[in-house]
């Protein structure tokens, strides 16, 4: 059976950079960006080489509803 793949999408303009998703990500897929969004926050972003395991913890813990996880 093929392993299911997931994609993490961060709505960068909604993210306030609290980094809760980064701290609680079980697969270490999310990091704080060095770039700033329009509000001046270091938003969360997925790491290119890491694969999301689809646990959805990031979506549940985000206070700004800035993260979505999709299965491919």
PDB file of N, CA and C in Angstrom:
ATOM      1  N   UNK A   1       0.843  -1.179   0.000  1.00  0.00           N
ATOM      2  CA  UNK A   1       0.000   0.000   0.000  1.00  0.00           C
ATOM      3  C   UNK A   1       0.895   1.252   0.000  1.00  0.00           C
ATOM      4  N   UNK A   2       0.576   2.191  -0.855  1.00  0.00           N
ATOM      5  CA  UNK A   2       1.365   3.414  -0.979  1.00  0.00           C
ATOM      6  C   UNK A   2       1.144   4.322   0.228  1.00  0.00           C
ATOM      7  N   UNK A   3       2.216   4.955   0.644  1.00  0.00           N
ATOM      8  CA  UNK A   3       2.151   5.875   1.774  1.00  0.00           C
ATOM      9  C   UNK A   3       1.451   7.158   1.329  1.00  0.00           C
ATOM     10  N   UNK A   4       0.494   7.612   2.127  1.00  0.00           N
ATOM     11  CA  UNK A   4      -0.244   8.822   1.807  1.00  0.00           C
ATOM     12  C   UNK A   4       0.655  10.038   2.013  1.00  0.00           C
ATOM     13  N   UNK A   5       0.559  11.008   1.115  1.00  0.00           N
ATOM     14  CA  UNK A   5       1.357  12.228   1.208  1.00  0.00           C
ATOM     15  C   UNK A   5       0.449  13.391   1.593  1.00  0.00           C
ATOM     16  N   UNK A   6       1.019  14.299   2.358  1.00  0.00           N
ATOM     17  CA  UNK A   6       0.270  15.461   2.828  1.00  0.00           C
ATOM     18  C   UNK A   6       1.033  16.732   2.496  1.00  0.00           C
ATOM     19  N   UNK A   7       0.279  17.802   2.299  1.00  0.00           N
ATOM     20  CA  UNK A   7       0.871  19.106   2.011  1.00  0.00           C
ATOM     21  C   UNK A   7       0.371  20.105   3.054  1.00  0.00           C
ATOM     22  N   UNK A   8       1.306  20.820   3.671  1.00  0.00           N
ATOM     23  CA  UNK A   8       0.966  21.854   4.648  1.00  0.00           C
ATOM     24  C   UNK A   8       0.950  23.198   3.931  1.00  0.00           C
ATOM     25  N   UNK A   9      -0.141  23.926   4.090  1.00  0.00           N
ATOM     26  CA  UNK A   9      -0.275  25.245   3.485  1.00  0.00           C
ATOM     27  C   UNK A   9      -0.480  26.259   4.608  1.00  0.00           C
ATOM     28  N   UNK A  10       0.402  27.266   4.661  1.00  0.00           N
ATOM     29  CA  UNK A  10       0.305  28.316   5.669  1.00  0.00           C
ATOM     30  C   UNK A  10      -0.178  29.591   4.991  1.00  0.00           C
ATOM     31  N   UNK A  11      -1.248  30.152   5.511  1.00  0.00           N
ATOM     32  CA  UNK A  11      -1.739  31.447   5.020  1.00  0.00           C
ATOM     33  C   UNK A  11      -0.880  32.508   5.709  1.00  0.00           C
ATOM     34  N   UNK A  12       0.186  32.887   5.038  1.00  0.00           N
ATOM     35  CA  UNK A  12       1.222  33.710   5.666  1.00  0.00           C
ATOM     36  C   UNK A  12       0.707  35.043   6.195  1.00  0.00           C
ATOM     37  N   UNK A  13      -0.263  35.632   5.564  1.00  0.00           N
ATOM     38  CA  UNK A  13      -0.759  36.934   6.019  1.00  0.00           C
ATOM     39  C   UNK A  13      -1.648  36.827   7.257  1.00  0.00           C
ATOM     40  N   UNK A  14      -2.120  35.638   7.573  1.00  0.00           N
ATOM     41  CA  UNK A  14      -2.917  35.437   8.791  1.00  0.00           C
ATOM     42  C   UNK A  14      -2.048  35.061   9.983  1.00  0.00           C
ATOM     43  N   UNK A  15      -0.847  34.559   9.716  1.00  0.00           N
ATOM     44  CA  UNK A  15       0.045  34.046  10.761  1.00  0.00           C
ATOM     45  C   UNK A  15       0.650  35.199  11.568  1.00  0.00           C
ATOM     46  N   UNK A  16       0.580  35.082  12.901  1.00  0.00           N
ATOM     47  CA  UNK A  16       1.154  36.100  13.788  1.00  0.00           C
ATOM     48  C   UNK A  16       2.476  35.658  14.390  1.00  0.00           C
ATOM     49  N   UNK A  17       3.018  34.545  13.910  1.00  0.00           N
ATOM     50  CA  UNK A  17       4.342  34.123  14.337  1.00  0.00           C
ATOM     51  C   UNK A  17       4.445  33.608  15.758  1.00  0.00           C
ATOM     52  N   UNK A  18       3.378  33.061  16.306  1.00  0.00           N
ATOM     53  CA  UNK A  18       3.422  32.562  17.688  1.00  0.00           C
ATOM     54  C   UNK A  18       4.281  31.305  17.818  1.00  0.00           C
ATOM     55  N   UNK A  19       4.489  30.588  16.718  1.00  0.00           N
ATOM     56  CA  UNK A  19       5.336  29.394  16.630  1.00  0.00           C
ATOM     57  C   UNK A  19       4.813  28.201  17.414  1.00  0.00           C
ATOM     58  N   UNK A  20       3.545  28.201  17.790  1.00  0.00           N
ATOM     59  CA  UNK A  20       2.970  27.021  18.447  1.00  0.00           C
ATOM     60  C   UNK A  20       3.004  25.820  17.505  1.00  0.00           C
ATOM     61  N   UNK A  21       2.714  26.058  16.244  1.00  0.00           N
ATOM     62  CA  UNK A  21       2.727  24.970  15.271  1.00  0.00           C
ATOM     63  C   UNK A  21       4.130  24.395  15.106  1.00  0.00           C
ATOM     64  N   UNK A  22       5.125  25.266  15.129  1.00  0.00           N
ATOM     65  CA  UNK A  22       6.518  24.840  14.997  1.00  0.00           C
ATOM     66  C   UNK A  22       6.895  23.965  16.186  1.00  0.00           C
ATOM     67  N   UNK A  23       6.508  24.395  17.377  1.00  0.00           N
ATOM     68  CA  UNK A  23       6.849  23.673  18.597  1.00  0.00           C
ATOM     69  C   UNK A  23       6.185  22.305  18.678  1.00  0.00           C
ATOM     70  N   UNK A  24       4.930  22.204  18.233  1.00  0.00           N
ATOM     71  CA  UNK A  24       4.171  20.971  18.391  1.00  0.00           C
ATOM     72  C   UNK A  24       4.138  20.070  17.163  1.00  0.00           C
ATOM     73  N   UNK A  25       4.769  20.469  16.065  1.00  0.00           N
ATOM     74  CA  UNK A  25       4.781  19.651  14.853  1.00  0.00           C
ATOM     75  C   UNK A  25       5.539  18.346  15.118  1.00  0.00           C
ATOM     76  N   UNK A  26       4.843  17.227  14.977  1.00  0.00           N
ATOM     77  CA  UNK A  26       5.425  15.917  15.280  1.00  0.00           C
ATOM     78  C   UNK A  26       6.483  15.490  14.265  1.00  0.00           C
ATOM     79  N   UNK A  27       6.409  16.017  13.060  1.00  0.00           N
ATOM     80  CA  UNK A  27       7.358  15.640  12.022  1.00  0.00           C
ATOM     81  C   UNK A  27       8.427  16.685  11.767  1.00  0.00           C
ATOM     82  N   UNK A  28       8.477  17.723  12.592  1.00  0.00           N
ATOM     83  CA  UNK A  28       9.418  18.834  12.408  1.00  0.00           C
ATOM     84  C   UNK A  28       9.349  19.402  10.991  1.00  0.00           C
ATOM     85  N   UNK A  29       8.140  19.556  10.500  1.00  0.00           N
ATOM     86  CA  UNK A  29       7.915  20.034   9.137  1.00  0.00           C
ATOM     87  C   UNK A  29       7.868  21.554   9.082  1.00  0.00           C
ATOM     88  N   UNK A  30       7.473  22.209  10.163  1.00  0.00           N
ATOM     89  CA  UNK A  30       7.307  23.653  10.165  1.00  0.00           C
ATOM     90  C   UNK A  30       8.456  24.358  10.882  1.00  0.00           C
ATOM     91  N   UNK A  31       8.834  25.517  10.347  1.00  0.00           N
ATOM     92  CA  UNK A  31       9.857  26.380  10.945  1.00  0.00           C
ATOM     93  C   UNK A  31       9.365  27.825  10.871  1.00  0.00           C
ATOM     94  N   UNK A  32       9.971  28.686  11.670  1.00  0.00           N
ATOM     95  CA  UNK A  32       9.674  30.117  11.580  1.00  0.00           C
ATOM     96  C   UNK A  32      10.495  30.699  10.436  1.00  0.00           C
ATOM     97  N   UNK A  33       9.832  31.419   9.582  1.00  0.00           N
ATOM     98  CA  UNK A  33      10.488  32.016   8.416  1.00  0.00           C
ATOM     99  C   UNK A  33      11.408  33.157   8.835  1.00  0.00           C
ATOM    100  N   UNK A  34      12.442  33.363   8.061  1.00  0.00           N
ATOM    101  CA  UNK A  34      13.300  34.531   8.273  1.00  0.00           C
ATOM    102  C   UNK A  34      12.666  35.768   7.655  1.00  0.00           C
ATOM    103  N   UNK A  35      11.727  35.566   6.744  1.00  0.00           N
ATOM    104  CA  UNK A  35      11.015  36.672   6.096  1.00  0.00           C
ATOM    105  C   UNK A  35       9.875  37.157   6.995  1.00  0.00           C
ATOM    106  N   UNK A  36       9.385  38.350   6.702  1.00  0.00           N
ATOM    107  CA  UNK A  36       8.262  38.925   7.437  1.00  0.00           C
ATOM    108  C   UNK A  36       7.038  39.006   6.536  1.00  0.00           C
ATOM    109  N   UNK A  37       5.857  38.837   7.136  1.00  0.00           N
ATOM    110  CA  UNK A  37       4.624  39.027   6.372  1.00  0.00           C
ATOM    111  C   UNK A  37       4.239  40.507   6.417  1.00  0.00           C
ATOM    112  N   UNK A  38       3.099  40.853   5.878  1.00  0.00           N
ATOM    113  CA  UNK A  38       2.658  42.241   5.815  1.00  0.00           C
ATOM    114  C   UNK A  38       2.445  42.888   7.174  1.00  0.00           C
ATOM    115  N   UNK A  39       2.208  42.067   8.191  1.00  0.00           N
ATOM    116  CA  UNK A  39       1.997  42.583   9.543  1.00  0.00           C
ATOM    117  C   UNK A  39       3.303  42.686  10.337  1.00  0.00           C
ATOM    118  N   UNK A  40       4.401  42.232   9.730  1.00  0.00           N
ATOM    119  CA  UNK A  40       5.695  42.320  10.381  1.00  0.00           C
ATOM    120  C   UNK A  40       6.056  41.127  11.255  1.00  0.00           C
ATOM    121  N   UNK A  41       5.395  39.986  11.040  1.00  0.00           N
ATOM    122  CA  UNK A  41       5.663  38.781  11.829  1.00  0.00           C
ATOM    123  C   UNK A  41       6.471  37.766  11.025  1.00  0.00           C
ATOM    124  N   UNK A  42       7.305  37.005  11.708  1.00  0.00           N
ATOM    125  CA  UNK A  42       7.997  35.873  11.109  1.00  0.00           C
ATOM    126  C   UNK A  42       6.996  34.723  11.066  1.00  0.00           C
ATOM    127  N   UNK A  43       6.417  34.475   9.926  1.00  0.00           N
ATOM    128  CA  UNK A  43       5.370  33.467   9.772  1.00  0.00           C
ATOM    129  C   UNK A  43       5.954  32.056   9.734  1.00  0.00           C
ATOM    130  N   UNK A  44       5.116  31.084   9.973  1.00  0.00           N
ATOM    131  CA  UNK A  44       5.521  29.678   9.875  1.00  0.00           C
ATOM    132  C   UNK A  44       5.555  29.280   8.412  1.00  0.00           C
ATOM    133  N   UNK A  45       6.454  28.348   8.094  1.00  0.00           N
ATOM    134  CA  UNK A  45       6.525  27.828   6.736  1.00  0.00           C
ATOM    135  C   UNK A  45       7.003  26.383   6.777  1.00  0.00           C
ATOM    136  N   UNK A  46       6.553  25.570   5.820  1.00  0.00           N
ATOM    137  CA  UNK A  46       7.012  24.175   5.788  1.00  0.00           C
ATOM    138  C   UNK A  46       8.439  24.059   5.262  1.00  0.00           C
ATOM    139  N   UNK A  47       9.168  23.094   5.784  1.00  0.00           N
ATOM    140  CA  UNK A  47      10.525  22.798   5.330  1.00  0.00           C
ATOM    141  C   UNK A  47      10.412  22.004   4.034  1.00  0.00           C
ATOM    142  N   UNK A  48      11.192  22.352   3.032  1.00  0.00           N
ATOM    143  CA  UNK A  48      11.110  21.716   1.709  1.00  0.00           C
ATOM    144  C   UNK A  48      11.317  20.202   1.737  1.00  0.00           C
ATOM    145  N   UNK A  49      12.320  19.725   2.431  1.00  0.00           N
ATOM    146  CA  UNK A  49      12.713  18.315   2.360  1.00  0.00           C
ATOM    147  C   UNK A  49      11.964  17.396   3.330  1.00  0.00           C
ATOM    148  N   UNK A  50      11.168  17.949   4.229  1.00  0.00           N
ATOM    149  CA  UNK A  50      10.469  17.141   5.227  1.00  0.00           C
ATOM    150  C   UNK A  50       9.083  16.773   4.729  1.00  0.00           C
ATOM    151  N   UNK A  51       8.623  15.575   5.094  1.00  0.00           N
ATOM    152  CA  UNK A  51       7.287  15.133   4.700  1.00  0.00           C
ATOM    153  C   UNK A  51       6.335  15.202   5.881  1.00  0.00           C
ATOM    154  N   UNK A  52       5.212  15.828   5.668  1.00  0.00           N
ATOM    155  CA  UNK A  52       4.163  15.920   6.677  1.00  0.00           C
ATOM    156  C   UNK A  52       3.564  14.538   6.893  1.00  0.00           C
ATOM    157  N   UNK A  53       3.305  14.185   8.162  1.00  0.00           N
ATOM    158  CA  UNK A  53       2.718  12.876   8.472  1.00  0.00           C
ATOM    159  C   UNK A  53       1.199  12.939   8.562  1.00  0.00           C
ATOM    160  N   UNK A  54       0.621  14.132   8.435  1.00  0.00           N
ATOM    161  CA  UNK A  54      -0.827  14.280   8.421  1.00  0.00           C
ATOM    162  C   UNK A  54      -1.492  14.209   9.776  1.00  0.00           C
ATOM    163  N   UNK A  55      -0.777  14.516  10.843  1.00  0.00           N
ATOM    164  CA  UNK A  55      -1.350  14.422  12.194  1.00  0.00           C
ATOM    165  C   UNK A  55      -2.346  15.550  12.482  1.00  0.00           C
ATOM    166  N   UNK A  56      -2.245  16.655  11.779  1.00  0.00           N
ATOM    167  CA  UNK A  56      -3.151  17.804  11.886  1.00  0.00           C
ATOM    168  C   UNK A  56      -3.008  18.604  13.187  1.00  0.00           C
ATOM    169  N   UNK A  57      -1.987  18.334  13.988  1.00  0.00           N
ATOM    170  CA  UNK A  57      -1.797  19.071  15.238  1.00  0.00           C
ATOM    171  C   UNK A  57      -1.637  20.561  14.959  1.00  0.00           C
ATOM    172  N   UNK A  58      -0.921  20.911  13.902  1.00  0.00           N
ATOM    173  CA  UNK A  58      -0.697  22.321  13.572  1.00  0.00           C
ATOM    174  C   UNK A  58      -2.015  23.054  13.323  1.00  0.00           C
ATOM    175  N   UNK A  59      -2.940  22.398  12.648  1.00  0.00           N
ATOM    176  CA  UNK A  59      -4.223  23.043  12.351  1.00  0.00           C
ATOM    177  C   UNK A  59      -5.063  23.218  13.606  1.00  0.00           C
ATOM    178  N   UNK A  60      -4.932  22.286  14.527  1.00  0.00           N
ATOM    179  CA  UNK A  60      -5.709  22.356  15.766  1.00  0.00           C
ATOM    180  C   UNK A  60      -5.158  23.386  16.744  1.00  0.00           C
ATOM    181  N   UNK A  61      -3.848  23.573  16.755  1.00  0.00           N
ATOM    182  CA  UNK A  61      -3.225  24.452  17.746  1.00  0.00           C
ATOM    183  C   UNK A  61      -3.110  25.897  17.269  1.00  0.00           C
ATOM    184  N   UNK A  62      -3.236  26.145  15.991  1.00  0.00           N
ATOM    185  CA  UNK A  62      -3.075  27.500  15.445  1.00  0.00           C
ATOM    186  C   UNK A  62      -4.239  28.404  15.887  1.00  0.00           C
ATOM    187  N   UNK A  63      -3.949  29.452  16.663  1.00  0.00           N
ATOM    188  CA  UNK A  63      -5.022  30.335  17.132  1.00  0.00           C
ATOM    189  C   UNK A  63      -5.588  31.236  16.033  1.00  0.00           C
ATOM    190  N   UNK A  64      -4.881  31.344  14.915  1.00  0.00           N
ATOM    191  CA  UNK A  64      -5.313  32.236  13.838  1.00  0.00           C
ATOM    192  C   UNK A  64      -5.900  31.507  12.631  1.00  0.00           C
ATOM    193  N   UNK A  65      -6.040  30.186  12.735  1.00  0.00           N
ATOM    194  CA  UNK A  65      -6.559  29.368  11.629  1.00  0.00           C
ATOM    195  C   UNK A  65      -5.801  29.643  10.334  1.00  0.00           C
ATOM    196  N   UNK A  66      -4.474  29.709  10.468  1.00  0.00           N
ATOM    197  CA  UNK A  66      -3.629  30.064   9.333  1.00  0.00           C
ATOM    198  C   UNK A  66      -3.021  28.855   8.629  1.00  0.00           C
ATOM    199  N   UNK A  67      -3.330  27.648   9.104  1.00  0.00           N
ATOM    200  CA  UNK A  67      -2.698  26.451   8.536  1.00  0.00           C
ATOM    201  C   UNK A  67      -3.769  25.467   8.063  1.00  0.00           C
ATOM    202  N   UNK A  68      -3.518  24.902   6.895  1.00  0.00           N
ATOM    203  CA  UNK A  68      -4.374  23.847   6.351  1.00  0.00           C
ATOM    204  C   UNK A  68      -3.486  22.704   5.900  1.00  0.00           C
ATOM    205  N   UNK A  69      -3.977  21.486   6.046  1.00  0.00           N
ATOM    206  CA  UNK A  69      -3.239  20.289   5.613  1.00  0.00           C
ATOM    207  C   UNK A  69      -4.110  19.561   4.613  1.00  0.00           C
ATOM    208  N   UNK A  70      -3.531  19.254   3.449  1.00  0.00           N
ATOM    209  CA  UNK A  70      -4.243  18.567   2.386  1.00  0.00           C
ATOM    210  C   UNK A  70      -3.574  17.233   2.088  1.00  0.00           C
ATOM    211  N   UNK A  71      -4.367  16.221   1.784  1.00  0.00           N
ATOM    212  CA  UNK A  71      -3.784  14.960   1.330  1.00  0.00           C
ATOM    213  C   UNK A  71      -3.672  15.011  -0.189  1.00  0.00           C
ATOM    214  N   UNK A  72      -2.563  14.489  -0.682  1.00  0.00           N
ATOM    215  CA  UNK A  72      -2.314  14.543  -2.129  1.00  0.00           C
ATOM    216  C   UNK A  72      -2.776  13.272  -2.796  1.00  0.00           C
TER     217      UNK A  72
END
